[in-house]
C-alpha cells in the first residue's frame, strides 16, 4: 500500500479515511504578446530572432544556463492545510508576522 502524508504538516493521509487534496503548480515564463503593425510584418523575423538569441546567450550566467525554465510541483494536503493554502497560497500572512522580544 502507498503511504501518503500531508506535505505541510506531515499528517498521514490514508485512502478512504480522510479527505486528501492535491495541489499542482506549474511555473513558466509569461508571454506578453504585443500588438502587430504593418511594419512588423515587413521585418526580417529570422534575422531578429537570431540576434536576440545571440544577445541572450552572451548575457546568461552559468546558473541561468543550469536553471530550468519550467518547473512542475505536486503536493498532497490534508483538509486543514488545504484550507490554509486556499486562503493564502503564497504564505503572505505568515511572512507578515514578526515576533520581537521586549528588550
PDB file of N, CA and C in Angstrom:
ATOM      1  N   UNK A   1       0.843  -1.174   0.000  1.00  0.00           N
ATOM      2  CA  UNK A   1       0.000   0.000   0.000  1.00  0.00           C
ATOM      3  C   UNK A   1       0.895   1.247   0.000  1.00  0.00           C
ATOM      4  N   UNK A   2       0.472   2.256  -0.731  1.00  0.00           N
ATOM      5  CA  UNK A   2       1.224   3.501  -0.815  1.00  0.00           C
ATOM      6  C   UNK A   2       0.923   4.364   0.403  1.00  0.00           C
ATOM      7  N   UNK A   3       1.970   4.859   1.041  1.00  0.00           N
ATOM      8  CA  UNK A   3       1.830   5.748   2.193  1.00  0.00           C
ATOM      9  C   UNK A   3       1.899   7.189   1.692  1.00  0.00           C
ATOM     10  N   UNK A   4       0.881   7.984   2.029  1.00  0.00           N
ATOM     11  CA  UNK A   4       0.857   9.382   1.639  1.00  0.00           C
ATOM     12  C   UNK A   4       0.719  10.216   2.901  1.00  0.00           C
ATOM     13  N   UNK A   5       1.484  11.315   2.954  1.00  0.00           N
ATOM     14  CA  UNK A   5       1.365  12.221   4.100  1.00  0.00           C
ATOM     15  C   UNK A   5       1.219  13.642   3.588  1.00  0.00           C
ATOM     16  N   UNK A   6       0.657  14.510   4.423  1.00  0.00           N
ATOM     17  CA  UNK A   6       0.478  15.911   4.073  1.00  0.00           C
ATOM     18  C   UNK A   6       1.857  16.558   3.955  1.00  0.00           C
ATOM     19  N   UNK A   7       2.088  17.241   2.849  1.00  0.00           N
ATOM     20  CA  UNK A   7       3.388  17.863   2.621  1.00  0.00           C
ATOM     21  C   UNK A   7       3.620  19.100   3.481  1.00  0.00           C
ATOM     22  N   UNK A   8       2.584  19.614   4.157  1.00  0.00           N
ATOM     23  CA  UNK A   8       2.776  20.756   5.050  1.00  0.00           C
ATOM     24  C   UNK A   8       2.915  20.340   6.509  1.00  0.00           C
ATOM     25  N   UNK A   9       1.994  19.536   7.008  1.00  0.00           N
ATOM     26  CA  UNK A   9       2.025  19.202   8.443  1.00  0.00           C
ATOM     27  C   UNK A   9       2.544  17.796   8.729  1.00  0.00           C
ATOM     28  N   UNK A  10       2.645  16.945   7.713  1.00  0.00           N
ATOM     29  CA  UNK A  10       3.171  15.599   7.905  1.00  0.00           C
ATOM     30  C   UNK A  10       2.155  14.558   8.338  1.00  0.00           C
ATOM     31  N   UNK A  11       0.887  14.939   8.482  1.00  0.00           N
ATOM     32  CA  UNK A  11      -0.172  14.021   8.904  1.00  0.00           C
ATOM     33  C   UNK A  11      -0.344  12.903   7.876  1.00  0.00           C
ATOM     34  N   UNK A  12      -0.547  11.652   8.351  1.00  0.00           N
ATOM     35  CA  UNK A  12      -0.797  10.535   7.446  1.00  0.00           C
ATOM     36  C   UNK A  12      -2.138  10.714   6.745  1.00  0.00           C
ATOM     37  N   UNK A  13      -2.142  10.466   5.449  1.00  0.00           N
ATOM     38  CA  UNK A  13      -3.361  10.561   4.646  1.00  0.00           C
ATOM     39  C   UNK A  13      -3.657   9.177   4.085  1.00  0.00           C
ATOM     40  N   UNK A  14      -4.561   8.478   4.726  1.00  0.00           N
ATOM     41  CA  UNK A  14      -4.891   7.120   4.306  1.00  0.00           C
ATOM     42  C   UNK A  14      -6.088   7.136   3.370  1.00  0.00           C
ATOM     43  N   UNK A  15      -5.979   6.436   2.249  1.00  0.00           N
ATOM     44  CA  UNK A  15      -7.081   6.408   1.275  1.00  0.00           C
ATOM     45  C   UNK A  15      -8.384   5.928   1.908  1.00  0.00           C
ATOM     46  N   UNK A  16      -9.462   6.676   1.666  1.00  0.00           N
ATOM     47  CA  UNK A  16     -10.777   6.292   2.154  1.00  0.00           C
ATOM     48  C   UNK A  16     -11.095   6.771   3.551  1.00  0.00           C
ATOM     49  N   UNK A  17     -10.098   7.123   4.362  1.00  0.00           N
ATOM     50  CA  UNK A  17     -10.356   7.543   5.739  1.00  0.00           C
ATOM     51  C   UNK A  17     -10.588   9.046   5.871  1.00  0.00           C
ATOM     52  N   UNK A  18      -9.702   9.830   5.288  1.00  0.00           N
ATOM     53  CA  UNK A  18      -9.796  11.284   5.414  1.00  0.00           C
ATOM     54  C   UNK A  18      -9.701  11.913   4.029  1.00  0.00           C
ATOM     55  N   UNK A  19     -10.230  13.129   3.940  1.00  0.00           N
ATOM     56  CA  UNK A  19     -10.114  13.831   2.658  1.00  0.00           C
ATOM     57  C   UNK A  19      -8.660  14.197   2.409  1.00  0.00           C
ATOM     58  N   UNK A  20      -8.302  14.111   1.168  1.00  0.00           N
ATOM     59  CA  UNK A  20      -6.921  14.317   0.749  1.00  0.00           C
ATOM     60  C   UNK A  20      -6.977  15.145  -0.522  1.00  0.00           C
ATOM     61  N   UNK A  21      -6.160  16.184  -0.578  1.00  0.00           N
ATOM     62  CA  UNK A  21      -6.181  17.105  -1.702  1.00  0.00           C
ATOM     63  C   UNK A  21      -4.817  17.134  -2.378  1.00  0.00           C
ATOM     64  N   UNK A  22      -4.828  17.407  -3.671  1.00  0.00           N
ATOM     65  CA  UNK A  22      -3.598  17.505  -4.450  1.00  0.00           C
ATOM     66  C   UNK A  22      -3.511  18.922  -5.014  1.00  0.00           C
ATOM     67  N   UNK A  23      -2.356  19.543  -4.825  1.00  0.00           N
ATOM     68  CA  UNK A  23      -2.084  20.862  -5.392  1.00  0.00           C
ATOM     69  C   UNK A  23      -1.005  20.678  -6.444  1.00  0.00           C
ATOM     70  N   UNK A  24      -1.275  21.155  -7.661  1.00  0.00           N
ATOM     71  CA  UNK A  24      -0.290  21.093  -8.737  1.00  0.00           C
ATOM     72  C   UNK A  24       0.055  22.520  -9.137  1.00  0.00           C
ATOM     73  N   UNK A  25       1.344  22.783  -9.251  1.00  0.00           N
ATOM     74  CA  UNK A  25       1.810  24.119  -9.603  1.00  0.00           C
ATOM     75  C   UNK A  25       2.765  24.012 -10.785  1.00  0.00           C
ATOM     76  N   UNK A  26       2.497  24.784 -11.826  1.00  0.00           N
ATOM     77  CA  UNK A  26       3.388  24.904 -12.973  1.00  0.00           C
ATOM     78  C   UNK A  26       3.961  26.311 -12.966  1.00  0.00           C
ATOM     79  N   UNK A  27       5.272  26.404 -13.057  1.00  0.00           N
ATOM     80  CA  UNK A  27       5.947  27.699 -13.104  1.00  0.00           C
ATOM     81  C   UNK A  27       6.649  27.807 -14.451  1.00  0.00           C
ATOM     82  N   UNK A  28       6.309  28.845 -15.211  1.00  0.00           N
ATOM     83  CA  UNK A  28       6.903  29.020 -16.530  1.00  0.00           C
ATOM     84  C   UNK A  28       6.913  30.499 -16.877  1.00  0.00           C
ATOM     85  N   UNK A  29       7.758  30.893 -17.811  1.00  0.00           N
ATOM     86  CA  UNK A  29       7.835  32.305 -18.184  1.00  0.00           C
ATOM     87  C   UNK A  29       6.535  32.789 -18.811  1.00  0.00           C
ATOM     88  N   UNK A  30       6.143  34.001 -18.463  1.00  0.00           N
ATOM     89  CA  UNK A  30       4.940  34.595 -19.037  1.00  0.00           C
ATOM     90  C   UNK A  30       5.251  35.110 -20.440  1.00  0.00           C
ATOM     91  N   UNK A  31       4.260  35.046 -21.290  1.00  0.00           N
ATOM     92  CA  UNK A  31       4.412  35.562 -22.650  1.00  0.00           C
ATOM     93  C   UNK A  31       3.405  36.684 -22.830  1.00  0.00           C
ATOM     94  N   UNK A  32       3.903  37.880 -23.023  1.00  0.00           N
ATOM     95  CA  UNK A  32       3.039  39.033 -23.231  1.00  0.00           C
ATOM     96  C   UNK A  32       3.084  39.427 -24.701  1.00  0.00           C
ATOM     97  N   UNK A  33       2.089  39.001 -25.470  1.00  0.00           N
ATOM     98  CA  UNK A  33       2.111  39.349 -26.895  1.00  0.00           C
ATOM     99  C   UNK A  33       1.915  40.854 -27.083  1.00  0.00           C
ATOM    100  N   UNK A  34       2.654  41.422 -27.993  1.00  0.00           N
ATOM    101  CA  UNK A  34       2.497  42.846 -28.286  1.00  0.00           C
ATOM    102  C   UNK A  34       1.615  43.009 -29.520  1.00  0.00           C
ATOM    103  N   UNK A  35       1.218  44.216 -29.792  1.00  0.00           N
ATOM    104  CA  UNK A  35       0.362  44.487 -30.940  1.00  0.00           C
ATOM    105  C   UNK A  35       1.198  44.478 -32.223  1.00  0.00           C
ATOM    106  N   UNK A  36       0.675  43.872 -33.263  1.00  0.00           N
ATOM    107  CA  UNK A  36       1.354  43.837 -34.554  1.00  0.00           C
ATOM    108  C   UNK A  36       0.977  45.051 -35.390  1.00  0.00           C
ATOM    109  N   UNK A  37       1.976  45.560 -36.086  1.00  0.00           N
ATOM    110  CA  UNK A  37       1.735  46.656 -37.023  1.00  0.00           C
ATOM    111  C   UNK A  37       2.165  46.200 -38.416  1.00  0.00           C
ATOM    112  N   UNK A  38       1.858  46.994 -39.436  1.00  0.00           N
ATOM    113  CA  UNK A  38       2.281  46.675 -40.803  1.00  0.00           C
ATOM    114  C   UNK A  38       3.807  46.594 -40.892  1.00  0.00           C
ATOM    115  N   UNK A  39       4.497  47.468 -40.163  1.00  0.00           N
ATOM    116  CA  UNK A  39       5.962  47.472 -40.176  1.00  0.00           C
ATOM    117  C   UNK A  39       6.513  46.156 -39.618  1.00  0.00           C
ATOM    118  N   UNK A  40       5.836  45.600 -38.598  1.00  0.00           N
ATOM    119  CA  UNK A  40       6.274  44.328 -38.025  1.00  0.00           C
ATOM    120  C   UNK A  40       6.220  43.204 -39.055  1.00  0.00           C
ATOM    121  N   UNK A  41       5.213  43.237 -39.894  1.00  0.00           N
ATOM    122  CA  UNK A  41       5.042  42.186 -40.889  1.00  0.00           C
ATOM    123  C   UNK A  41       6.091  42.259 -41.985  1.00  0.00           C
ATOM    124  N   UNK A  42       6.680  43.425 -42.186  1.00  0.00           N
ATOM    125  CA  UNK A  42       7.687  43.609 -43.221  1.00  0.00           C
ATOM    126  C   UNK A  42       9.099  43.273 -42.741  1.00  0.00           C
ATOM    127  N   UNK A  43       9.315  43.188 -41.413  1.00  0.00           N
ATOM    128  CA  UNK A  43      10.648  42.928 -40.864  1.00  0.00           C
ATOM    129  C   UNK A  43      11.133  41.523 -41.194  1.00  0.00           C
ATOM    130  N   UNK A  44      12.453  41.348 -41.174  1.00  0.00           N
ATOM    131  CA  UNK A  44      13.068  40.031 -41.351  1.00  0.00           C
ATOM    132  C   UNK A  44      13.114  39.360 -39.974  1.00  0.00           C
ATOM    133  N   UNK A  45      12.134  38.529 -39.682  1.00  0.00           N
ATOM    134  CA  UNK A  45      11.998  37.935 -38.359  1.00  0.00           C
ATOM    135  C   UNK A  45      13.087  36.924 -38.043  1.00  0.00           C
ATOM    136  N   UNK A  46      13.551  36.186 -39.036  1.00  0.00           N
ATOM    137  CA  UNK A  46      14.622  35.214 -38.792  1.00  0.00           C
ATOM    138  C   UNK A  46      15.892  35.915 -38.331  1.00  0.00           C
ATOM    139  N   UNK A  47      16.205  37.025 -38.928  1.00  0.00           N
ATOM    140  CA  UNK A  47      17.385  37.790 -38.534  1.00  0.00           C
ATOM    141  C   UNK A  47      17.203  38.343 -37.119  1.00  0.00           C
ATOM    142  N   UNK A  48      16.016  38.848 -36.808  1.00  0.00           N
ATOM    143  CA  UNK A  48      15.744  39.410 -35.490  1.00  0.00           C
ATOM    144  C   UNK A  48      15.855  38.338 -34.410  1.00  0.00           C
ATOM    145  N   UNK A  49      15.307  37.170 -34.686  1.00  0.00           N
ATOM    146  CA  UNK A  49      15.379  36.066 -33.719  1.00  0.00           C
ATOM    147  C   UNK A  49      16.828  35.640 -33.519  1.00  0.00           C
ATOM    148  N   UNK A  50      17.575  35.557 -34.572  1.00  0.00           N
ATOM    149  CA  UNK A  50      18.982  35.193 -34.488  1.00  0.00           C
ATOM    150  C   UNK A  50      19.756  36.181 -33.620  1.00  0.00           C
ATOM    151  N   UNK A  51      19.495  37.468 -33.796  1.00  0.00           N
ATOM    152  CA  UNK A  51      20.174  38.484 -32.989  1.00  0.00           C
ATOM    153  C   UNK A  51      19.781  38.398 -31.523  1.00  0.00           C
ATOM    154  N   UNK A  52      18.510  38.179 -31.263  1.00  0.00           N
ATOM    155  CA  UNK A  52      18.036  38.055 -29.879  1.00  0.00           C
ATOM    156  C   UNK A  52      18.697  36.869 -29.201  1.00  0.00           C
ATOM    157  N   UNK A  53      18.739  35.726 -29.884  1.00  0.00           N
ATOM    158  CA  UNK A  53      19.339  34.527 -29.303  1.00  0.00           C
ATOM    159  C   UNK A  53      20.824  34.713 -29.030  1.00  0.00           C
ATOM    160  N   UNK A  54      21.536  35.339 -29.931  1.00  0.00           N
ATOM    161  CA  UNK A  54      22.967  35.539 -29.710  1.00  0.00           C
ATOM    162  C   UNK A  54      23.210  36.526 -28.572  1.00  0.00           C
ATOM    163  N   UNK A  55      22.371  37.548 -28.442  1.00  0.00           N
ATOM    164  CA  UNK A  55      22.494  38.504 -27.337  1.00  0.00           C
ATOM    165  C   UNK A  55      22.211  37.820 -26.006  1.00  0.00           C
ATOM    166  N   UNK A  56      21.166  37.000 -25.966  1.00  0.00           N
ATOM    167  CA  UNK A  56      20.802  36.331 -24.718  1.00  0.00           C
ATOM    168  C   UNK A  56      21.857  35.310 -24.306  1.00  0.00           C
ATOM    169  N   UNK A  57      22.409  34.594 -25.247  1.00  0.00           N
ATOM    170  CA  UNK A  57      23.447  33.609 -24.926  1.00  0.00           C
ATOM    171  C   UNK A  57      24.636  34.269 -24.264  1.00  0.00           C
ATOM    172  N   UNK A  58      25.014  35.434 -24.731  1.00  0.00           N
ATOM    173  CA  UNK A  58      26.173  36.106 -24.156  1.00  0.00           C
ATOM    174  C   UNK A  58      25.859  36.703 -22.797  1.00  0.00           C
ATOM    175  N   UNK A  59      24.599  36.982 -22.495  1.00  0.00           N
ATOM    176  CA  UNK A  59      24.218  37.583 -21.222  1.00  0.00           C
ATOM    177  C   UNK A  59      23.920  36.560 -20.129  1.00  0.00           C
ATOM    178  N   UNK A  60      23.721  35.299 -20.491  1.00  0.00           N
ATOM    179  CA  UNK A  60      23.360  34.295 -19.498  1.00  0.00           C
ATOM    180  C   UNK A  60      24.550  33.912 -18.628  1.00  0.00           C
ATOM    181  N   UNK A  61      24.281  33.801 -17.329  1.00  0.00           N
ATOM    182  CA  UNK A  61      25.312  33.320 -16.421  1.00  0.00           C
ATOM    183  C   UNK A  61      25.251  31.806 -16.392  1.00  0.00           C
ATOM    184  N   UNK A  62      26.238  31.186 -15.778  1.00  0.00           N
ATOM    185  CA  UNK A  62      26.259  29.723 -15.684  1.00  0.00           C
ATOM    186  C   UNK A  62      25.042  29.201 -14.944  1.00  0.00           C
ATOM    187  N   UNK A  63      24.629  29.879 -13.873  1.00  0.00           N
ATOM    188  CA  UNK A  63      23.477  29.446 -13.084  1.00  0.00           C
ATOM    189  C   UNK A  63      22.211  29.490 -13.927  1.00  0.00           C
ATOM    190  N   UNK A  64      22.032  30.540 -14.720  1.00  0.00           N
ATOM    191  CA  UNK A  64      20.845  30.651 -15.560  1.00  0.00           C
ATOM    192  C   UNK A  64      20.807  29.555 -16.607  1.00  0.00           C
ATOM    193  N   UNK A  65      21.965  29.145 -17.100  1.00  0.00           N
ATOM    194  CA  UNK A  65      22.001  28.077 -18.086  1.00  0.00           C
ATOM    195  C   UNK A  65      21.591  26.744 -17.466  1.00  0.00           C
ATOM    196  N   UNK A  66      21.912  26.536 -16.179  1.00  0.00           N
ATOM    197  CA  UNK A  66      21.586  25.284 -15.498  1.00  0.00           C
ATOM    198  C   UNK A  66      20.157  25.268 -14.978  1.00  0.00           C
ATOM    199  N   UNK A  67      19.600  26.428 -14.662  1.00  0.00           N
ATOM    200  CA  UNK A  67      18.267  26.507 -14.073  1.00  0.00           C
ATOM    201  C   UNK A  67      17.194  26.247 -15.128  1.00  0.00           C
ATOM    202  N   UNK A  68      16.272  25.308 -14.848  1.00  0.00           N
ATOM    203  CA  UNK A  68      15.222  25.030 -15.834  1.00  0.00           C
ATOM    204  C   UNK A  68      14.239  26.199 -15.931  1.00  0.00           C
ATOM    205  N   UNK A  69      13.705  26.404 -17.117  1.00  0.00           N
ATOM    206  CA  UNK A  69      12.756  27.485 -17.350  1.00  0.00           C
ATOM    207  C   UNK A  69      11.379  27.093 -16.833  1.00  0.00           C
ATOM    208  N   UNK A  70      11.051  25.828 -16.922  1.00  0.00           N
ATOM    209  CA  UNK A  70       9.741  25.327 -16.495  1.00  0.00           C
ATOM    210  C   UNK A  70       9.919  24.429 -15.282  1.00  0.00           C
ATOM    211  N   UNK A  71       9.070  24.610 -14.285  1.00  0.00           N
ATOM    212  CA  UNK A  71       9.110  23.751 -13.095  1.00  0.00           C
ATOM    213  C   UNK A  71       7.694  23.284 -12.788  1.00  0.00           C
ATOM    214  N   UNK A  72       7.570  22.023 -12.426  1.00  0.00           N
ATOM    215  CA  UNK A  72       6.267  21.443 -12.100  1.00  0.00           C
ATOM    216  C   UNK A  72       6.367  20.817 -10.696  1.00  0.00           C
ATOM    217  N   UNK A  73       5.383  21.166  -9.834  1.00  0.00           N
ATOM    218  CA  UNK A  73       5.377  20.661  -8.456  1.00  0.00           C
ATOM    219  C   UNK A  73       4.028  20.025  -8.153  1.00  0.00           C
ATOM    220  N   UNK A  74       4.045  19.014  -7.267  1.00  0.00           N
ATOM    221  CA  UNK A  74       2.822  18.348  -6.826  1.00  0.00           C
ATOM    222  C   UNK A  74       2.902  18.174  -5.326  1.00  0.00           C
ATOM    223  N   UNK A  75       1.838  18.589  -4.613  1.00  0.00           N
ATOM    224  CA  UNK A  75       1.810  18.490  -3.162  1.00  0.00           C
ATOM    225  C   UNK A  75       0.520  17.810  -2.720  1.00  0.00           C
ATOM    226  N   UNK A  76       0.617  16.960  -1.696  1.00  0.00           N
ATOM    227  CA  UNK A  76      -0.547  16.327  -1.084  1.00  0.00           C
ATOM    228  C   UNK A  76      -0.855  17.089   0.203  1.00  0.00           C
ATOM    229  N   UNK A  77      -2.135  17.466   0.402  1.00  0.00           N
ATOM    230  CA  UNK A  77      -2.522  18.229   1.579  1.00  0.00           C
ATOM    231  C   UNK A  77      -3.698  17.593   2.288  1.00  0.00           C
ATOM    232  N   UNK A  78      -3.702  17.712   3.622  1.00  0.00           N
ATOM    233  CA  UNK A  78      -4.862  17.297   4.404  1.00  0.00           C
ATOM    234  C   UNK A  78      -5.913  18.407   4.314  1.00  0.00           C
ATOM    235  N   UNK A  79      -7.101  18.174   4.867  1.00  0.00           N
ATOM    236  CA  UNK A  79      -8.193  19.141   4.763  1.00  0.00           C
ATOM    237  C   UNK A  79      -7.837  20.473   5.427  1.00  0.00           C
ATOM    238  N   UNK A  80      -7.198  20.433   6.607  1.00  0.00           N
ATOM    239  CA  UNK A  80      -6.855  21.679   7.306  1.00  0.00           C
ATOM    240  C   UNK A  80      -5.807  22.487   6.546  1.00  0.00           C
ATOM    241  N   UNK A  81      -4.779  21.824   6.036  1.00  0.00           N
ATOM    242  CA  UNK A  81      -3.731  22.522   5.293  1.00  0.00           C
ATOM    243  C   UNK A  81      -4.258  23.029   3.955  1.00  0.00           C
ATOM    244  N   UNK A  82      -5.221  22.326   3.371  1.00  0.00           N
ATOM    245  CA  UNK A  82      -5.857  22.799   2.142  1.00  0.00           C
ATOM    246  C   UNK A  82      -6.558  24.122   2.389  1.00  0.00           C
ATOM    247  N   UNK A  83      -7.279  24.236   3.523  1.00  0.00           N
ATOM    248  CA  UNK A  83      -7.958  25.492   3.857  1.00  0.00           C
ATOM    249  C   UNK A  83      -6.948  26.633   3.971  1.00  0.00           C
ATOM    250  N   UNK A  84      -5.833  26.362   4.668  1.00  0.00           N
ATOM    251  CA  UNK A  84      -4.790  27.385   4.822  1.00  0.00           C
ATOM    252  C   UNK A  84      -4.211  27.781   3.470  1.00  0.00           C
ATOM    253  N   UNK A  85      -3.961  26.792   2.622  1.00  0.00           N
ATOM    254  CA  UNK A  85      -3.369  27.064   1.313  1.00  0.00           C
ATOM    255  C   UNK A  85      -4.309  27.886   0.437  1.00  0.00           C
ATOM    256  N   UNK A  86      -5.590  27.517   0.409  1.00  0.00           N
ATOM    257  CA  UNK A  86      -6.558  28.224  -0.429  1.00  0.00           C
ATOM    258  C   UNK A  86      -6.730  29.667   0.058  1.00  0.00           C
ATOM    259  N   UNK A  87      -6.692  29.870   1.358  1.00  0.00           N
ATOM    260  CA  UNK A  87      -6.846  31.210   1.926  1.00  0.00           C
ATOM    261  C   UNK A  87      -5.621  32.090   1.635  1.00  0.00           C
ATOM    262  N   UNK A  88      -4.414  31.493   1.658  1.00  0.00           N
ATOM    263  CA  UNK A  88      -3.185  32.266   1.481  1.00  0.00           C
ATOM    264  C   UNK A  88      -2.146  31.433   0.722  1.00  0.00           C
ATOM    265  N   UNK A  89      -2.318  31.246  -0.600  1.00  0.00           N
ATOM    266  CA  UNK A  89      -1.449  30.337  -1.354  1.00  0.00           C
ATOM    267  C   UNK A  89       0.019  30.747  -1.398  1.00  0.00           C
ATOM    268  N   UNK A  90       0.329  32.025  -1.245  1.00  0.00           N
ATOM    269  CA  UNK A  90       1.725  32.472  -1.281  1.00  0.00           C
ATOM    270  C   UNK A  90       2.309  32.696   0.114  1.00  0.00           C
ATOM    271  N   UNK A  91       1.576  32.320   1.150  1.00  0.00           N
ATOM    272  CA  UNK A  91       2.004  32.466   2.548  1.00  0.00           C
ATOM    273  C   UNK A  91       2.374  33.901   2.899  1.00  0.00           C
ATOM    274  N   UNK A  92       1.642  34.823   2.360  1.00  0.00           N
ATOM    275  CA  UNK A  92       1.912  36.237   2.655  1.00  0.00           C
ATOM    276  C   UNK A  92       1.624  36.578   4.108  1.00  0.00           C
ATOM    277  N   UNK A  93       0.544  36.020   4.661  1.00  0.00           N
ATOM    278  CA  UNK A  93       0.195  36.295   6.062  1.00  0.00           C
ATOM    279  C   UNK A  93       1.294  35.803   6.995  1.00  0.00           C
ATOM    280  N   UNK A  94       1.810  34.626   6.731  1.00  0.00           N
ATOM    281  CA  UNK A  94       2.849  34.054   7.595  1.00  0.00           C
ATOM    282  C   UNK A  94       4.114  34.906   7.566  1.00  0.00           C
ATOM    283  N   UNK A  95       4.415  35.505   6.431  1.00  0.00           N
ATOM    284  CA  UNK A  95       5.615  36.323   6.300  1.00  0.00           C
ATOM    285  C   UNK A  95       5.444  37.714   6.898  1.00  0.00           C
ATOM    286  N   UNK A  96       4.222  38.126   7.191  1.00  0.00           N
ATOM    287  CA  UNK A  96       3.966  39.462   7.713  1.00  0.00           C
ATOM    288  C   UNK A  96       4.056  39.529   9.238  1.00  0.00           C
ATOM    289  N   UNK A  97       4.040  38.412   9.932  1.00  0.00           N
ATOM    290  CA  UNK A  97       4.052  38.400  11.391  1.00  0.00           C
ATOM    291  C   UNK A  97       5.470  38.306  11.914  1.00  0.00           C
ATOM    292  N   UNK A  98       5.805  39.222  12.798  1.00  0.00           N
ATOM    293  CA  UNK A  98       7.129  39.225  13.405  1.00  0.00           C
ATOM    294  C   UNK A  98       6.979  39.106  14.911  1.00  0.00           C
ATOM    295  N   UNK A  99       7.867  38.356  15.523  1.00  0.00           N
ATOM    296  CA  UNK A  99       7.903  38.256  16.980  1.00  0.00           C
ATOM    297  C   UNK A  99       9.150  38.982  17.469  1.00  0.00           C
ATOM    298  N   UNK A 100       8.940  40.152  18.072  1.00  0.00           N
ATOM    299  CA  UNK A 100      10.051  40.914  18.605  1.00  0.00           C
ATOM    300  C   UNK A 100      10.101  40.720  20.101  1.00  0.00           C
ATOM    301  N   UNK A 101      11.289  40.613  20.638  1.00  0.00           N
ATOM    302  CA  UNK A 101      11.432  40.489  22.085  1.00  0.00           C
ATOM    303  C   UNK A 101      11.206  41.853  22.728  1.00  0.00           C
ATOM    304  N   UNK A 102      10.919  41.841  24.025  1.00  0.00           N
ATOM    305  CA  UNK A 102      10.638  43.097  24.742  1.00  0.00           C
ATOM    306  C   UNK A 102      11.892  43.628  25.395  1.00  0.00           C
ATOM    307  N   UNK A 103      12.971  43.754  24.691  1.00  0.00           N
ATOM    308  CA  UNK A 103      14.228  44.273  25.250  1.00  0.00           C
ATOM    309  C   UNK A 103      14.208  45.759  25.374  1.00  0.00           C
TER     310      UNK A 103
END
